[in-house]
Each structure stands twice: as structure tokens, then as C-alpha cells.
């Protein structure tokens, strides 16, 4: 499915305000409410819109510390990767896990209450992950910018 200019405007608007009413969205993209609703349904069915979520404030949720953890595994066999990926997906404080090309096999984004909490997460969860050879953690000092919006 190719995206036309109206689809792109719909996606841009919904990335900014996912709870926007269909009436407000149709006004924003200059389309009738019924036409707008049909397009949104089509974008959902085609998989361009996966879900609608609430973005929470990490500080207010009590996890203001962000740590990026580089992990190198002991081996590269499929079963090693699969075991690691299944185990890391069960750790609540791990928000993202990326398989990498380069020096590290994986990079994790972890949130914590602070350094002591991260030490606990490291000790109780990260250090027990299967297949880990080396681990290096870097604490974010400040988030310069952060977005969930993809280029449309």
C-alpha cells in the first residue's frame, strides 16, 4: 500500500496526538469525518498504525535513571540468541533490546530509580541472563531529546 499526502498527514497528526477525536483529525487533515475514519481503519488494517498508547513520565513513575547496557554473548548460535532474547524480554525495567552489528551483540535500554536500583537490577536480572560474556553499562546524564514519532 502506498501512502498518499492525506495518509501522511493523518499519520503525522496521530503521532502527535493519538487520542485525537475523528472529528478533530478530519479537520486537521481537511477531510470529511467518514472519509477520515475509513482511511484510519485502512491504515490500521495495513499495519501502519500498530497501536495507540499512553506515554508515561519516567520521573513521575519513579524511574528517572536511564542506563544503556552493551552485552556481548559468549556464542552466536541461534539457541544462544533465542535464550537470551526470551530471558531479557521478561525483565520489566528493560524497555528496549536491540541486536547490533559492531562490538556489542545487544544494546539494552534500562530504566531504574537510581544507581542503587540499577545495581539491584544488574545483580538480580542482567548478570543472570543466559549466554552473557561481557556487559558494559553507561548512564545517561541527560536526555537531549526523545521522540516516538517516525518520519512520515
C-alpha atoms as a PDB file:
ATOM      1  CA  UNK A   1       0.000   0.000   0.000  1.00  0.00           C
ATOM      2  CA  UNK A   2       1.356   3.400  -0.961  1.00  0.00           C
ATOM      3  CA  UNK A   3       0.813   6.365   1.338  1.00  0.00           C
ATOM      4  CA  UNK A   4      -0.588   9.486  -0.270  1.00  0.00           C
ATOM      5  CA  UNK A   5      -0.342  13.016   1.145  1.00  0.00           C
ATOM      6  CA  UNK A   6      -3.583  12.652   3.142  1.00  0.00           C
ATOM      7  CA  UNK A   7      -2.413   9.365   4.709  1.00  0.00           C
ATOM      8  CA  UNK A   8       0.851  11.073   5.640  1.00  0.00           C
ATOM      9  CA  UNK A   9      -0.988  13.985   7.263  1.00  0.00           C
ATOM     10  CA  UNK A  10      -3.183  11.547   9.214  1.00  0.00           C
ATOM     11  CA  UNK A  11      -0.147   9.612  10.469  1.00  0.00           C
ATOM     12  CA  UNK A  12       1.705  12.800  11.403  1.00  0.00           C
ATOM     13  CA  UNK A  13      -1.300  14.129  13.341  1.00  0.00           C
ATOM     14  CA  UNK A  14      -1.886  10.836  15.174  1.00  0.00           C
ATOM     15  CA  UNK A  15       1.778  10.577  16.150  1.00  0.00           C
ATOM     16  CA  UNK A  16       1.456  13.978  17.809  1.00  0.00           C
ATOM     17  CA  UNK A  17      -1.897  13.279  19.498  1.00  0.00           C
ATOM     18  CA  UNK A  18      -3.002   9.659  19.442  1.00  0.00           C
ATOM     19  CA  UNK A  19      -6.218  10.394  21.345  1.00  0.00           C
ATOM     20  CA  UNK A  20      -7.392  12.974  18.827  1.00  0.00           C
ATOM     21  CA  UNK A  21     -11.080  12.544  18.003  1.00  0.00           C
ATOM     22  CA  UNK A  22     -12.016  11.609  14.454  1.00  0.00           C
ATOM     23  CA  UNK A  23     -13.745  14.993  14.132  1.00  0.00           C
ATOM     24  CA  UNK A  24     -10.586  16.891  15.143  1.00  0.00           C
ATOM     25  CA  UNK A  25      -8.448  14.657  12.945  1.00  0.00           C
ATOM     26  CA  UNK A  26     -10.680  15.165   9.918  1.00  0.00           C
ATOM     27  CA  UNK A  27     -10.497  18.949  10.453  1.00  0.00           C
ATOM     28  CA  UNK A  28      -6.704  18.798  10.773  1.00  0.00           C
ATOM     29  CA  UNK A  29      -6.251  16.869   7.516  1.00  0.00           C
ATOM     30  CA  UNK A  30      -9.086  18.634   5.634  1.00  0.00           C
ATOM     31  CA  UNK A  31     -11.174  15.529   5.000  1.00  0.00           C
ATOM     32  CA  UNK A  32     -14.762  14.556   5.801  1.00  0.00           C
ATOM     33  CA  UNK A  33     -15.171  12.647   9.089  1.00  0.00           C
ATOM     34  CA  UNK A  34     -16.369   9.494   7.295  1.00  0.00           C
ATOM     35  CA  UNK A  35     -13.520   9.626   4.765  1.00  0.00           C
ATOM     36  CA  UNK A  36     -11.022  10.193   7.552  1.00  0.00           C
ATOM     37  CA  UNK A  37     -12.410   7.283   9.577  1.00  0.00           C
ATOM     38  CA  UNK A  38     -12.154   4.958   6.560  1.00  0.00           C
ATOM     39  CA  UNK A  39      -8.547   5.978   5.966  1.00  0.00           C
ATOM     40  CA  UNK A  40      -7.588   5.441   9.616  1.00  0.00           C
ATOM     41  CA  UNK A  41      -9.187   1.978   9.536  1.00  0.00           C
ATOM     42  CA  UNK A  42      -7.298   1.177   6.328  1.00  0.00           C
ATOM     43  CA  UNK A  43      -4.010   2.353   7.880  1.00  0.00           C
ATOM     44  CA  UNK A  44      -4.697   0.192  10.952  1.00  0.00           C
ATOM     45  CA  UNK A  45      -5.580  -2.875   8.872  1.00  0.00           C
ATOM     46  CA  UNK A  46      -2.483  -2.423   6.698  1.00  0.00           C
ATOM     47  CA  UNK A  47      -0.314  -2.320   9.838  1.00  0.00           C
ATOM     48  CA  UNK A  48       0.913   1.272   9.526  1.00  0.00           C
ATOM     49  CA  UNK A  49      -0.808   2.033  12.843  1.00  0.00           C
ATOM     50  CA  UNK A  50       0.070  -0.770  15.244  1.00  0.00           C
ATOM     51  CA  UNK A  51      -1.484   0.538  18.444  1.00  0.00           C
ATOM     52  CA  UNK A  52      -2.427   3.580  20.493  1.00  0.00           C
ATOM     53  CA  UNK A  53      -0.529   4.056  23.764  1.00  0.00           C
ATOM     54  CA  UNK A  54      -0.070   6.477  26.654  1.00  0.00           C
ATOM     55  CA  UNK A  55       3.486   7.759  27.078  1.00  0.00           C
ATOM     56  CA  UNK A  56       4.294   7.966  30.781  1.00  0.00           C
ATOM     57  CA  UNK A  57       6.704  10.346  32.502  1.00  0.00           C
ATOM     58  CA  UNK A  58       9.642   8.271  33.795  1.00  0.00           C
ATOM     59  CA  UNK A  59      10.441  10.711  36.602  1.00  0.00           C
ATOM     60  CA  UNK A  60       6.859  10.725  37.881  1.00  0.00           C
ATOM     61  CA  UNK A  61       6.781   6.925  37.597  1.00  0.00           C
ATOM     62  CA  UNK A  62       9.847   6.747  39.861  1.00  0.00           C
ATOM     63  CA  UNK A  63      12.367   5.552  37.268  1.00  0.00           C
ATOM     64  CA  UNK A  64      14.259   8.704  36.193  1.00  0.00           C
ATOM     65  CA  UNK A  65      17.587   6.961  35.563  1.00  0.00           C
ATOM     66  CA  UNK A  66      18.281   5.601  32.075  1.00  0.00           C
ATOM     67  CA  UNK A  67      21.119   3.150  31.519  1.00  0.00           C
ATOM     68  CA  UNK A  68      22.321   1.758  28.195  1.00  0.00           C
ATOM     69  CA  UNK A  69      23.835  -1.695  28.577  1.00  0.00           C
ATOM     70  CA  UNK A  70      26.053  -3.218  25.890  1.00  0.00           C
ATOM     71  CA  UNK A  71      26.090  -7.000  26.001  1.00  0.00           C
ATOM     72  CA  UNK A  72      28.433  -9.385  24.231  1.00  0.00           C
ATOM     73  CA  UNK A  73      27.389 -13.016  24.248  1.00  0.00           C
ATOM     74  CA  UNK A  74      29.701 -15.998  24.624  1.00  0.00           C
ATOM     75  CA  UNK A  75      28.424 -17.521  21.385  1.00  0.00           C
ATOM     76  CA  UNK A  76      26.349 -16.725  18.327  1.00  0.00           C
ATOM     77  CA  UNK A  77      24.373 -19.947  17.876  1.00  0.00           C
ATOM     78  CA  UNK A  78      20.658 -19.468  17.254  1.00  0.00           C
ATOM     79  CA  UNK A  79      19.738 -21.199  20.505  1.00  0.00           C
ATOM     80  CA  UNK A  80      22.030 -18.834  22.479  1.00  0.00           C
ATOM     81  CA  UNK A  81      20.442 -15.765  20.892  1.00  0.00           C
ATOM     82  CA  UNK A  82      16.934 -17.133  21.384  1.00  0.00           C
ATOM     83  CA  UNK A  83      17.511 -17.990  25.056  1.00  0.00           C
ATOM     84  CA  UNK A  84      18.972 -14.532  25.722  1.00  0.00           C
ATOM     85  CA  UNK A  85      16.150 -12.725  23.916  1.00  0.00           C
ATOM     86  CA  UNK A  86      13.410 -14.653  25.729  1.00  0.00           C
ATOM     87  CA  UNK A  87      15.020 -14.034  29.119  1.00  0.00           C
ATOM     88  CA  UNK A  88      15.712 -10.323  28.612  1.00  0.00           C
ATOM     89  CA  UNK A  89      12.125  -9.716  27.421  1.00  0.00           C
ATOM     90  CA  UNK A  90      10.899 -10.792  30.880  1.00  0.00           C
ATOM     91  CA  UNK A  91      12.804  -8.055  32.764  1.00  0.00           C
ATOM     92  CA  UNK A  92      10.314  -5.220  33.455  1.00  0.00           C
ATOM     93  CA  UNK A  93      12.936  -2.451  33.622  1.00  0.00           C
ATOM     94  CA  UNK A  94      14.341  -3.275  30.171  1.00  0.00           C
ATOM     95  CA  UNK A  95      12.421  -1.038  27.770  1.00  0.00           C
ATOM     96  CA  UNK A  96      14.317  -1.895  24.590  1.00  0.00           C
ATOM     97  CA  UNK A  97      16.656  -4.607  23.348  1.00  0.00           C
ATOM     98  CA  UNK A  98      18.422  -4.261  20.001  1.00  0.00           C
ATOM     99  CA  UNK A  99      20.513  -6.896  18.211  1.00  0.00           C
ATOM    100  CA  UNK A 100      23.526  -4.993  16.907  1.00  0.00           C
ATOM    101  CA  UNK A 101      26.236  -5.126  14.289  1.00  0.00           C
ATOM    102  CA  UNK A 102      29.533  -3.983  15.783  1.00  0.00           C
ATOM    103  CA  UNK A 103      31.415  -4.621  19.003  1.00  0.00           C
ATOM    104  CA  UNK A 104      28.388  -5.447  21.179  1.00  0.00           C
ATOM    105  CA  UNK A 105      25.825  -8.089  20.297  1.00  0.00           C
ATOM    106  CA  UNK A 106      22.959  -6.287  22.033  1.00  0.00           C
ATOM    107  CA  UNK A 107      22.188  -2.874  23.464  1.00  0.00           C
ATOM    108  CA  UNK A 108      19.547  -2.605  26.169  1.00  0.00           C
ATOM    109  CA  UNK A 109      17.751   0.487  27.390  1.00  0.00           C
ATOM    110  CA  UNK A 110      17.078   0.069  31.103  1.00  0.00           C
ATOM    111  CA  UNK A 111      15.246   2.402  33.493  1.00  0.00           C
ATOM    112  CA  UNK A 112      15.831   2.491  37.239  1.00  0.00           C
ATOM    113  CA  UNK A 113      15.094   4.528  40.361  1.00  0.00           C
ATOM    114  CA  UNK A 114      18.789   5.408  40.591  1.00  0.00           C
ATOM    115  CA  UNK A 115      22.231   3.811  40.804  1.00  0.00           C
ATOM    116  CA  UNK A 116      21.357   1.544  43.729  1.00  0.00           C
ATOM    117  CA  UNK A 117      18.253   0.280  41.960  1.00  0.00           C
ATOM    118  CA  UNK A 118      20.245  -0.317  38.781  1.00  0.00           C
ATOM    119  CA  UNK A 119      22.811  -2.274  40.828  1.00  0.00           C
ATOM    120  CA  UNK A 120      19.936  -4.446  42.071  1.00  0.00           C
ATOM    121  CA  UNK A 121      18.568  -4.934  38.528  1.00  0.00           C
ATOM    122  CA  UNK A 122      22.075  -5.799  37.341  1.00  0.00           C
ATOM    123  CA  UNK A 123      22.664  -8.275  40.157  1.00  0.00           C
ATOM    124  CA  UNK A 124      19.224  -9.938  40.147  1.00  0.00           C
ATOM    125  CA  UNK A 125      18.466  -9.931  36.429  1.00  0.00           C
ATOM    126  CA  UNK A 126      21.127  -8.796  33.955  1.00  0.00           C
ATOM    127  CA  UNK A 127      24.017 -10.778  35.451  1.00  0.00           C
ATOM    128  CA  UNK A 128      21.867 -13.926  35.290  1.00  0.00           C
ATOM    129  CA  UNK A 129      20.956 -13.652  31.607  1.00  0.00           C
ATOM    130  CA  UNK A 130      21.946 -16.781  29.659  1.00  0.00           C
ATOM    131  CA  UNK A 131      24.982 -16.685  27.397  1.00  0.00           C
ATOM    132  CA  UNK A 132      26.395 -13.325  28.513  1.00  0.00           C
ATOM    133  CA  UNK A 133      30.152 -12.975  28.110  1.00  0.00           C
ATOM    134  CA  UNK A 134      30.661  -9.263  28.775  1.00  0.00           C
ATOM    135  CA  UNK A 135      28.499  -6.375  29.882  1.00  0.00           C
ATOM    136  CA  UNK A 136      29.186  -2.639  29.914  1.00  0.00           C
ATOM    137  CA  UNK A 137      26.781  -0.058  31.322  1.00  0.00           C
ATOM    138  CA  UNK A 138      26.595   3.662  30.512  1.00  0.00           C
ATOM    139  CA  UNK A 139      24.381   6.028  32.498  1.00  0.00           C
ATOM    140  CA  UNK A 140      22.593   8.780  30.577  1.00  0.00           C
ATOM    141  CA  UNK A 141      23.354  12.136  32.188  1.00  0.00           C
ATOM    142  CA  UNK A 142      20.550  13.969  30.412  1.00  0.00           C
ATOM    143  CA  UNK A 143      18.104  13.248  27.616  1.00  0.00           C
ATOM    144  CA  UNK A 144      18.702  15.923  24.987  1.00  0.00           C
ATOM    145  CA  UNK A 145      15.607  14.958  23.020  1.00  0.00           C
ATOM    146  CA  UNK A 146      13.346  11.972  22.733  1.00  0.00           C
ATOM    147  CA  UNK A 147      10.603  11.170  20.278  1.00  0.00           C
ATOM    148  CA  UNK A 148       8.486   8.216  19.322  1.00  0.00           C
ATOM    149  CA  UNK A 149       7.401   9.851  16.057  1.00  0.00           C
ATOM    150  CA  UNK A 150       8.718   8.201  12.901  1.00  0.00           C
ATOM    151  CA  UNK A 151       9.436  10.291   9.807  1.00  0.00           C
ATOM    152  CA  UNK A 152       6.393  10.187   7.527  1.00  0.00           C
END
